[in-house]
Amino acid sequence: MRKPTAKSLILDLLLASKGRPLSAKQAIAACGIFDISVNNTRVALVRLSAEGLIESAGRALYQLTDDAHTLADDVAAWRTRSTRVRPWDGSYIVVQAEKLSRSEAKQQRARARALLMLGFQPLNEHLFIRPNNIEDTLQSVRDRLYKLGLEKDAPVFEARDFDLDLQRRIATLWNPRELETNYAQLEKKMRTWLNRSGTLEPEVAARESFLLGGTAIKHVVYDPFLPAEWVNVQARERFLGAVDEVDQAGMRIWSSLWASMES
């Protein structure tokens, strides 16, 4: 679990705040827990503001901008991702994306992030694919991809009845056993931490909950949510349950920390 930068920590705290602003005092205190200096914290606040990711919400108060919310809102939706998975009917969702030039590097990054967050893998240079088992409709998948950065003119469509050789190749694009191993290992690590979290000093508990929760949530955000025919769904649900518990514990720990600063 890598130590966060001042910028990433501030953004993550704002994301977790569910719309509540973050004060400069809180940002400095939180960064201090990770041995980030006051000066570095203030510089990070200035840079995040200049980049259009945060804005003033009052005197020495900050909130995410509308632009930052575009990605942040989808990341925050990790809490409901498992409820947006449905039984697989054997079909696939395919995205056709044209090759971008070097001058379109920013668009390339946005496209790659959008596809990865929804579990797509490249079938060839121009086609990206995943099982059709997420969201209620194809249009919902299309809307999320476009919102996250896929070009609006990129076709997103359903496909089925591939020949046997291609079906076998498609099945190798993901590694279900690796996913299951990660579910088990991370669940064990979270359960161990939950059992001892009550004995930790407040700042230690805050630091560890942030690092552990961040690692686990990143796995949820980028999980392809493969169908039950491919992956152990029960192991995934146990992992997600542990993530929820760590998330709730972390929010209690940080709320208590903020309250102690105001008393």
C-alpha atoms as a PDB file:
ATOM      1  CA  MET A   1       0.000   0.000   0.000  1.00  0.00           C
ATOM      2  CA  ARG A   2       1.821   3.042  -1.317  1.00  0.00           C
ATOM      3  CA  LYS A   3       1.822   6.349   0.555  1.00  0.00           C
ATOM      4  CA  PRO A   4      -0.515   8.851  -1.137  1.00  0.00           C
ATOM      5  CA  THR A   5       0.561  12.203  -2.518  1.00  0.00           C
ATOM      6  CA  ALA A   6      -0.974  15.367  -1.107  1.00  0.00           C
ATOM      7  CA  LYS A   7      -3.066  15.792  -4.261  1.00  0.00           C
ATOM      8  CA  SER A   8      -4.383  12.225  -4.322  1.00  0.00           C
ATOM      9  CA  LEU A   9      -5.144  12.284  -0.593  1.00  0.00           C
ATOM     10  CA  ILE A  10      -7.112  15.533  -0.829  1.00  0.00           C
ATOM     11  CA  LEU A  11      -9.100  14.262  -3.810  1.00  0.00           C
ATOM     12  CA  ASP A  12      -9.844  10.945  -2.092  1.00  0.00           C
ATOM     13  CA  LEU A  13     -10.997  12.698   1.078  1.00  0.00           C
ATOM     14  CA  LEU A  14     -13.319  14.933  -0.928  1.00  0.00           C
ATOM     15  CA  LEU A  15     -14.637  11.918  -2.810  1.00  0.00           C
ATOM     16  CA  ALA A  16     -15.358  10.129   0.477  1.00  0.00           C
ATOM     17  CA  SER A  17     -16.999  13.214   1.995  1.00  0.00           C
ATOM     18  CA  LYS A  18     -20.195  12.714  -0.064  1.00  0.00           C
ATOM     19  CA  GLY A  19     -20.453  16.377  -1.017  1.00  0.00           C
ATOM     20  CA  ARG A  20     -19.274  17.939   2.231  1.00  0.00           C
ATOM     21  CA  PRO A  21     -16.454  20.479   1.776  1.00  0.00           C
ATOM     22  CA  LEU A  22     -12.967  19.902   3.145  1.00  0.00           C
ATOM     23  CA  SER A  23     -11.269  22.642   5.136  1.00  0.00           C
ATOM     24  CA  ALA A  24      -7.633  23.593   4.696  1.00  0.00           C
ATOM     25  CA  LYS A  25      -7.169  22.685   8.362  1.00  0.00           C
ATOM     26  CA  GLN A  26      -8.515  19.184   7.744  1.00  0.00           C
ATOM     27  CA  ALA A  27      -6.382  18.775   4.633  1.00  0.00           C
ATOM     28  CA  ILE A  28      -3.249  19.766   6.562  1.00  0.00           C
ATOM     29  CA  ALA A  29      -4.111  17.425   9.444  1.00  0.00           C
ATOM     30  CA  ALA A  30      -4.844  14.507   7.103  1.00  0.00           C
ATOM     31  CA  CYS A  31      -1.644  15.034   5.118  1.00  0.00           C
ATOM     32  CA  GLY A  32       0.294  15.268   8.390  1.00  0.00           C
ATOM     33  CA  ILE A  33      -0.826  11.734   9.239  1.00  0.00           C
ATOM     34  CA  PHE A  34       1.061  10.610   6.136  1.00  0.00           C
ATOM     35  CA  ASP A  35       4.117  12.774   6.903  1.00  0.00           C
ATOM     36  CA  ILE A  36       3.258  15.277   4.174  1.00  0.00           C
ATOM     37  CA  SER A  37       4.389  18.795   5.098  1.00  0.00           C
ATOM     38  CA  VAL A  38       2.089  21.778   5.531  1.00  0.00           C
ATOM     39  CA  ASN A  39       3.804  23.536   2.639  1.00  0.00           C
ATOM     40  CA  ASN A  40       3.304  20.564   0.301  1.00  0.00           C
ATOM     41  CA  THR A  41      -0.349  20.418   1.322  1.00  0.00           C
ATOM     42  CA  ARG A  42      -0.919  24.101   0.572  1.00  0.00           C
ATOM     43  CA  VAL A  43       0.851  23.746  -2.783  1.00  0.00           C
ATOM     44  CA  ALA A  44      -1.370  20.760  -3.611  1.00  0.00           C
ATOM     45  CA  LEU A  45      -4.515  22.779  -2.840  1.00  0.00           C
ATOM     46  CA  VAL A  46      -3.323  25.582  -5.134  1.00  0.00           C
ATOM     47  CA  ARG A  47      -2.469  23.159  -7.941  1.00  0.00           C
ATOM     48  CA  LEU A  48      -5.740  21.241  -7.680  1.00  0.00           C
ATOM     49  CA  SER A  49      -7.585  24.546  -7.899  1.00  0.00           C
ATOM     50  CA  ALA A  50      -5.512  25.653 -10.920  1.00  0.00           C
ATOM     51  CA  GLU A  51      -6.227  22.325 -12.628  1.00  0.00           C
ATOM     52  CA  GLY A  52      -9.953  22.843 -12.166  1.00  0.00           C
ATOM     53  CA  LEU A  53     -10.433  19.837  -9.881  1.00  0.00           C
ATOM     54  CA  ILE A  54     -11.368  21.704  -6.690  1.00  0.00           C
ATOM     55  CA  GLU A  55     -12.953  25.082  -6.009  1.00  0.00           C
ATOM     56  CA  SER A  56     -13.705  27.328  -3.067  1.00  0.00           C
ATOM     57  CA  ALA A  57     -16.750  26.460  -0.972  1.00  0.00           C
ATOM     58  CA  GLY A  58     -16.222  29.282   1.514  1.00  0.00           C
ATOM     59  CA  ARG A  59     -13.357  30.679   3.521  1.00  0.00           C
ATOM     60  CA  ALA A  60     -10.570  28.051   3.506  1.00  0.00           C
ATOM     61  CA  LEU A  61     -13.104  25.422   2.373  1.00  0.00           C
ATOM     62  CA  TYR A  62     -12.834  23.308  -0.767  1.00  0.00           C
ATOM     63  CA  GLN A  63     -15.118  21.072  -2.824  1.00  0.00           C
ATOM     64  CA  LEU A  64     -14.836  19.092  -6.049  1.00  0.00           C
ATOM     65  CA  THR A  65     -15.662  20.942  -9.260  1.00  0.00           C
ATOM     66  CA  ASP A  66     -18.289  19.680 -11.706  1.00  0.00           C
ATOM     67  CA  ASP A  67     -15.506  18.404 -13.998  1.00  0.00           C
ATOM     68  CA  ALA A  68     -13.974  16.395 -11.164  1.00  0.00           C
ATOM     69  CA  HIS A  69     -17.370  14.925 -10.319  1.00  0.00           C
ATOM     70  CA  THR A  70     -17.637  13.324 -13.767  1.00  0.00           C
ATOM     71  CA  LEU A  71     -15.110  10.641 -12.866  1.00  0.00           C
ATOM     72  CA  ALA A  72     -15.554  10.864  -9.084  1.00  0.00           C
ATOM     73  CA  ASP A  73     -19.252  10.037  -9.241  1.00  0.00           C
ATOM     74  CA  ASP A  74     -18.614   6.877 -11.228  1.00  0.00           C
ATOM     75  CA  VAL A  75     -15.825   5.813  -8.885  1.00  0.00           C
ATOM     76  CA  ALA A  76     -18.130   6.471  -5.924  1.00  0.00           C
ATOM     77  CA  ALA A  77     -20.686   4.143  -7.516  1.00  0.00           C
ATOM     78  CA  TRP A  78     -18.516   1.183  -6.488  1.00  0.00           C
ATOM     79  CA  ARG A  79     -20.892   0.715  -3.552  1.00  0.00           C
ATOM     80  CA  THR A  80     -23.712  -0.313  -5.903  1.00  0.00           C
ATOM     81  CA  ARG A  81     -21.748  -2.064  -8.638  1.00  0.00           C
ATOM     82  CA  SER A  82     -22.669  -5.595  -7.610  1.00  0.00           C
ATOM     83  CA  THR A  83     -26.380  -4.722  -7.810  1.00  0.00           C
ATOM     84  CA  ARG A  84     -25.864  -3.647 -11.437  1.00  0.00           C
ATOM     85  CA  VAL A  85     -24.762  -7.145 -12.472  1.00  0.00           C
ATOM     86  CA  ARG A  86     -27.326  -9.437 -14.088  1.00  0.00           C
ATOM     87  CA  PRO A  87     -27.423 -13.023 -15.369  1.00  0.00           C
ATOM     88  CA  TRP A  88     -25.428 -13.588 -18.541  1.00  0.00           C
ATOM     89  CA  ASP A  89     -27.297 -14.642 -21.688  1.00  0.00           C
ATOM     90  CA  GLY A  90     -24.137 -15.624 -23.576  1.00  0.00           C
ATOM     91  CA  SER A  91     -23.896 -12.410 -25.601  1.00  0.00           C
ATOM     92  CA  TYR A  92     -21.149  -9.777 -25.474  1.00  0.00           C
ATOM     93  CA  ILE A  93     -20.862  -5.995 -25.596  1.00  0.00           C
ATOM     94  CA  VAL A  94     -18.409  -4.767 -28.210  1.00  0.00           C
ATOM     95  CA  VAL A  95     -16.853  -1.327 -28.630  1.00  0.00           C
ATOM     96  CA  GLN A  96     -15.312  -0.288 -31.929  1.00  0.00           C
ATOM     97  CA  ALA A  97     -12.648   2.372 -31.429  1.00  0.00           C
ATOM     98  CA  GLU A  98     -10.490   3.864 -34.140  1.00  0.00           C
ATOM     99  CA  LYS A  99      -6.746   4.303 -33.630  1.00  0.00           C
ATOM    100  CA  LEU A 100      -5.846   7.697 -32.185  1.00  0.00           C
ATOM    101  CA  SER A 101      -2.822   9.788 -33.128  1.00  0.00           C
ATOM    102  CA  ARG A 102      -0.016  10.767 -30.758  1.00  0.00           C
ATOM    103  CA  SER A 103      -1.498  14.251 -30.486  1.00  0.00           C
ATOM    104  CA  GLU A 104      -4.643  12.678 -29.028  1.00  0.00           C
ATOM    105  CA  ALA A 105      -2.861  11.153 -26.036  1.00  0.00           C
ATOM    106  CA  LYS A 106      -5.291  12.708 -23.542  1.00  0.00           C
ATOM    107  CA  GLN A 107      -8.260  11.189 -25.362  1.00  0.00           C
ATOM    108  CA  GLN A 108      -6.429   7.858 -25.513  1.00  0.00           C
ATOM    109  CA  ARG A 109      -6.014   7.862 -21.721  1.00  0.00           C
ATOM    110  CA  ALA A 110      -9.662   8.757 -21.188  1.00  0.00           C
ATOM    111  CA  ARG A 111     -10.785   5.983 -23.534  1.00  0.00           C
ATOM    112  CA  ALA A 112      -8.513   3.395 -21.914  1.00  0.00           C
ATOM    113  CA  ARG A 113      -9.759   4.349 -18.442  1.00  0.00           C
ATOM    114  CA  ALA A 114     -13.412   4.144 -19.504  1.00  0.00           C
ATOM    115  CA  LEU A 115     -12.974   0.708 -21.079  1.00  0.00           C
ATOM    116  CA  LEU A 116     -10.973  -0.660 -18.156  1.00  0.00           C
ATOM    117  CA  MET A 117     -13.429   0.619 -15.548  1.00  0.00           C
ATOM    118  CA  LEU A 118     -16.207  -1.293 -17.286  1.00  0.00           C
ATOM    119  CA  GLY A 119     -14.166  -4.455 -17.683  1.00  0.00           C
ATOM    120  CA  PHE A 120     -13.511  -4.374 -21.433  1.00  0.00           C
ATOM    121  CA  GLN A 121     -10.484  -6.122 -22.936  1.00  0.00           C
ATOM    122  CA  PRO A 122      -9.035  -5.722 -26.459  1.00  0.00           C
ATOM    123  CA  LEU A 123     -10.099  -8.365 -28.959  1.00  0.00           C
ATOM    124  CA  ASN A 124      -7.943  -6.731 -31.621  1.00  0.00           C
ATOM    125  CA  GLU A 125      -6.582  -3.262 -32.360  1.00  0.00           C
ATOM    126  CA  HIS A 126     -10.022  -1.743 -32.901  1.00  0.00           C
ATOM    127  CA  LEU A 127     -12.480  -3.953 -30.993  1.00  0.00           C
ATOM    128  CA  PHE A 128     -12.952  -4.195 -27.221  1.00  0.00           C
ATOM    129  CA  ILE A 129     -15.256  -6.739 -25.630  1.00  0.00           C
ATOM    130  CA  ARG A 130     -16.835  -7.925 -22.381  1.00  0.00           C
ATOM    131  CA  PRO A 131     -19.664 -10.293 -21.370  1.00  0.00           C
ATOM    132  CA  ASN A 132     -23.077  -8.633 -21.603  1.00  0.00           C
ATOM    133  CA  ASN A 133     -23.971  -8.985 -17.919  1.00  0.00           C
ATOM    134  CA  ILE A 134     -23.724  -5.449 -16.534  1.00  0.00           C
ATOM    135  CA  GLU A 135     -26.366  -2.717 -16.296  1.00  0.00           C
ATOM    136  CA  ASP A 136     -30.012  -3.083 -17.263  1.00  0.00           C
ATOM    137  CA  THR A 137     -29.633  -2.131 -20.905  1.00  0.00           C
ATOM    138  CA  LEU A 138     -27.002  -1.696 -23.581  1.00  0.00           C
ATOM    139  CA  GLN A 139     -27.823   2.019 -23.602  1.00  0.00           C
ATOM    140  CA  SER A 140     -26.864   2.266 -19.919  1.00  0.00           C
ATOM    141  CA  VAL A 141     -23.447   0.783 -20.711  1.00  0.00           C
ATOM    142  CA  ARG A 142     -23.106   3.124 -23.683  1.00  0.00           C
ATOM    143  CA  ASP A 143     -23.968   6.169 -21.558  1.00  0.00           C
ATOM    144  CA  ARG A 144     -21.433   5.258 -18.864  1.00  0.00           C
ATOM    145  CA  LEU A 145     -18.664   4.717 -21.403  1.00  0.00           C
ATOM    146  CA  TYR A 146     -19.316   8.075 -23.057  1.00  0.00           C
ATOM    147  CA  LYS A 147     -19.507   9.823 -19.692  1.00  0.00           C
ATOM    148  CA  LEU A 148     -16.162   8.348 -18.647  1.00  0.00           C
ATOM    149  CA  GLY A 149     -14.337   9.404 -21.791  1.00  0.00           C
ATOM    150  CA  LEU A 150     -15.097   7.132 -24.748  1.00  0.00           C
ATOM    151  CA  GLU A 151     -15.609   9.114 -27.949  1.00  0.00           C
ATOM    152  CA  LYS A 152     -19.298   9.791 -28.582  1.00  0.00           C
ATOM    153  CA  ASP A 153     -19.055   8.438 -32.138  1.00  0.00           C
ATOM    154  CA  ALA A 154     -17.556   5.093 -31.082  1.00  0.00           C
ATOM    155  CA  PRO A 155     -20.072   2.296 -31.836  1.00  0.00           C
ATOM    156  CA  VAL A 156     -21.135   0.205 -28.819  1.00  0.00           C
ATOM    157  CA  PHE A 157     -23.162  -2.863 -29.776  1.00  0.00           C
ATOM    158  CA  GLU A 158     -24.204  -6.379 -28.785  1.00  0.00           C
ATOM    159  CA  ALA A 159     -22.708  -9.440 -30.461  1.00  0.00           C
ATOM    160  CA  ARG A 160     -23.185 -13.189 -30.129  1.00  0.00           C
ATOM    161  CA  ASP A 161     -22.696 -16.525 -31.880  1.00  0.00           C
ATOM    162  CA  PHE A 162     -18.934 -16.261 -32.363  1.00  0.00           C
ATOM    163  CA  ASP A 163     -17.294 -19.383 -33.726  1.00  0.00           C
ATOM    164  CA  LEU A 164     -15.850 -21.824 -31.186  1.00  0.00           C
ATOM    165  CA  ASP A 165     -12.213 -20.827 -31.663  1.00  0.00           C
ATOM    166  CA  LEU A 166     -12.997 -17.146 -31.135  1.00  0.00           C
ATOM    167  CA  GLN A 167     -15.131 -17.923 -28.074  1.00  0.00           C
ATOM    168  CA  ARG A 168     -12.171 -19.764 -26.581  1.00  0.00           C
ATOM    169  CA  ARG A 169      -9.871 -16.817 -27.288  1.00  0.00           C
ATOM    170  CA  ILE A 170     -12.343 -14.370 -25.784  1.00  0.00           C
ATOM    171  CA  ALA A 171     -12.463 -16.441 -22.597  1.00  0.00           C
ATOM    172  CA  THR A 172      -8.691 -16.026 -22.155  1.00  0.00           C
ATOM    173  CA  LEU A 173      -8.886 -12.217 -22.091  1.00  0.00           C
ATOM    174  CA  TRP A 174      -9.628 -12.281 -18.333  1.00  0.00           C
ATOM    175  CA  ASN A 175      -8.058 -14.284 -15.519  1.00  0.00           C
ATOM    176  CA  PRO A 176     -10.846 -15.484 -13.196  1.00  0.00           C
ATOM    177  CA  ARG A 177      -8.476 -17.498 -10.992  1.00  0.00           C
ATOM    178  CA  GLU A 178      -6.350 -14.411 -10.339  1.00  0.00           C
ATOM    179  CA  LEU A 179      -9.480 -12.472  -9.452  1.00  0.00           C
ATOM    180  CA  GLU A 180     -10.557 -15.170  -6.997  1.00  0.00           C
ATOM    181  CA  THR A 181      -7.110 -15.220  -5.392  1.00  0.00           C
ATOM    182  CA  ASN A 182      -7.271 -11.443  -4.943  1.00  0.00           C
ATOM    183  CA  TYR A 183     -10.768 -11.699  -3.444  1.00  0.00           C
ATOM    184  CA  ALA A 184      -9.588 -14.215  -0.853  1.00  0.00           C
ATOM    185  CA  GLN A 185      -6.333 -12.461   0.034  1.00  0.00           C
ATOM    186  CA  LEU A 186      -7.850  -9.008   0.344  1.00  0.00           C
ATOM    187  CA  GLU A 187     -10.829 -10.281   2.323  1.00  0.00           C
ATOM    188  CA  LYS A 188      -8.478 -11.974   4.804  1.00  0.00           C
ATOM    189  CA  LYS A 189      -6.380  -8.818   5.124  1.00  0.00           C
ATOM    190  CA  MET A 190      -9.470  -6.669   5.734  1.00  0.00           C
ATOM    191  CA  ARG A 191     -10.960  -9.064   8.280  1.00  0.00           C
ATOM    192  CA  THR A 192      -7.665  -9.128  10.175  1.00  0.00           C
ATOM    193  CA  TRP A 193      -7.548  -5.329  10.243  1.00  0.00           C
ATOM    194  CA  LEU A 194     -11.191  -5.006  11.315  1.00  0.00           C
ATOM    195  CA  ASN A 195     -10.541  -7.325  14.256  1.00  0.00           C
ATOM    196  CA  ARG A 196      -7.713  -5.141  15.579  1.00  0.00           C
ATOM    197  CA  SER A 197      -8.793  -1.679  14.420  1.00  0.00           C
ATOM    198  CA  GLY A 198     -10.419  -0.896  17.769  1.00  0.00           C
ATOM    199  CA  THR A 199      -7.067  -1.170  19.549  1.00  0.00           C
ATOM    200  CA  LEU A 200      -5.257   1.343  17.329  1.00  0.00           C
ATOM    201  CA  GLU A 201      -4.444   4.962  18.076  1.00  0.00           C
ATOM    202  CA  PRO A 202      -6.814   7.307  16.160  1.00  0.00           C
ATOM    203  CA  GLU A 203      -4.220   8.583  13.686  1.00  0.00           C
ATOM    204  CA  VAL A 204      -2.850   5.094  13.059  1.00  0.00           C
ATOM    205  CA  ALA A 205      -6.378   3.782  12.526  1.00  0.00           C
ATOM    206  CA  ALA A 206      -7.124   6.668  10.140  1.00  0.00           C
ATOM    207  CA  ARG A 207      -3.965   6.061   8.128  1.00  0.00           C
ATOM    208  CA  GLU A 208      -4.453   2.301   7.891  1.00  0.00           C
ATOM    209  CA  SER A 209      -8.150   2.551   7.041  1.00  0.00           C
ATOM    210  CA  PHE A 210      -7.364   4.990   4.246  1.00  0.00           C
ATOM    211  CA  LEU A 211      -4.612   2.832   2.738  1.00  0.00           C
ATOM    212  CA  LEU A 212      -6.409  -0.497   3.090  1.00  0.00           C
ATOM    213  CA  GLY A 213      -9.769   0.884   2.011  1.00  0.00           C
ATOM    214  CA  GLY A 214      -8.225   2.654  -0.964  1.00  0.00           C
ATOM    215  CA  THR A 215      -6.535  -0.524  -2.171  1.00  0.00           C
ATOM    216  CA  ALA A 216      -9.732  -2.556  -1.811  1.00  0.00           C
ATOM    217  CA  ILE A 217     -11.956   0.039  -3.465  1.00  0.00           C
ATOM    218  CA  LYS A 218      -9.578   0.301  -6.432  1.00  0.00           C
ATOM    219  CA  HIS A 219     -10.005  -3.457  -6.931  1.00  0.00           C
ATOM    220  CA  VAL A 220     -13.795  -3.006  -6.910  1.00  0.00           C
ATOM    221  CA  VAL A 221     -13.696  -0.073  -9.345  1.00  0.00           C
ATOM    222  CA  TYR A 222     -11.615  -2.047 -11.854  1.00  0.00           C
ATOM    223  CA  ASP A 223     -13.217  -5.448 -11.287  1.00  0.00           C
ATOM    224  CA  PRO A 224     -14.731  -6.725 -14.559  1.00  0.00           C
ATOM    225  CA  PHE A 225     -17.631  -8.347 -12.669  1.00  0.00           C
ATOM    226  CA  LEU A 226     -17.485 -11.471 -14.756  1.00  0.00           C
ATOM    227  CA  PRO A 227     -20.571 -13.697 -14.954  1.00  0.00           C
ATOM    228  CA  ALA A 228     -21.159 -16.620 -12.601  1.00  0.00           C
ATOM    229  CA  GLU A 229     -20.241 -19.021 -15.401  1.00  0.00           C
ATOM    230  CA  TRP A 230     -16.656 -17.718 -15.264  1.00  0.00           C
ATOM    231  CA  VAL A 231     -15.881 -16.678 -11.685  1.00  0.00           C
ATOM    232  CA  ASN A 232     -16.763 -17.630  -8.097  1.00  0.00           C
ATOM    233  CA  VAL A 233     -19.474 -15.052  -7.381  1.00  0.00           C
ATOM    234  CA  GLN A 234     -19.725 -16.077  -3.712  1.00  0.00           C
ATOM    235  CA  ALA A 235     -16.030 -15.247  -3.195  1.00  0.00           C
ATOM    236  CA  ARG A 236     -16.602 -11.890  -4.861  1.00  0.00           C
ATOM    237  CA  GLU A 237     -19.584 -11.140  -2.628  1.00  0.00           C
ATOM    238  CA  ARG A 238     -17.608 -12.020   0.518  1.00  0.00           C
ATOM    239  CA  PHE A 239     -14.856  -9.665  -0.641  1.00  0.00           C
ATOM    240  CA  LEU A 240     -17.362  -6.888  -1.356  1.00  0.00           C
ATOM    241  CA  GLY A 241     -18.916  -7.372   2.075  1.00  0.00           C
ATOM    242  CA  ALA A 242     -15.514  -6.900   3.714  1.00  0.00           C
ATOM    243  CA  VAL A 243     -14.894  -3.775   1.614  1.00  0.00           C
ATOM    244  CA  ASP A 244     -18.188  -2.315   2.834  1.00  0.00           C
ATOM    245  CA  GLU A 245     -17.228  -2.987   6.457  1.00  0.00           C
ATOM    246  CA  VAL A 246     -13.796  -1.368   6.073  1.00  0.00           C
ATOM    247  CA  ASP A 247     -15.388   1.598   4.312  1.00  0.00           C
ATOM    248  CA  GLN A 248     -17.906   2.089   7.137  1.00  0.00           C
ATOM    249  CA  ALA A 249     -15.207   1.702   9.788  1.00  0.00           C
ATOM    250  CA  GLY A 250     -12.998   4.191   7.967  1.00  0.00           C
ATOM    251  CA  MET A 251     -15.768   6.786   7.781  1.00  0.00           C
ATOM    252  CA  ARG A 252     -16.385   6.441  11.528  1.00  0.00           C
ATOM    253  CA  ILE A 253     -12.664   6.782  12.270  1.00  0.00           C
ATOM    254  CA  TRP A 254     -12.206   9.878  10.096  1.00  0.00           C
ATOM    255  CA  SER A 255     -15.436  11.486  11.361  1.00  0.00           C
ATOM    256  CA  SER A 256     -14.203  11.010  14.922  1.00  0.00           C
ATOM    257  CA  LEU A 257     -10.864  12.528  13.943  1.00  0.00           C
ATOM    258  CA  TRP A 258     -12.539  15.627  12.444  1.00  0.00           C
ATOM    259  CA  ALA A 259     -14.754  15.960  15.525  1.00  0.00           C
ATOM    260  CA  SER A 260     -11.725  15.865  17.839  1.00  0.00           C
ATOM    261  CA  MET A 261     -10.163  18.725  15.855  1.00  0.00           C
ATOM    262  CA  GLU A 262     -13.229  20.903  16.430  1.00  0.00           C
ATOM    263  CA  SER A 263     -13.598  20.222  20.160  1.00  0.00           C
END
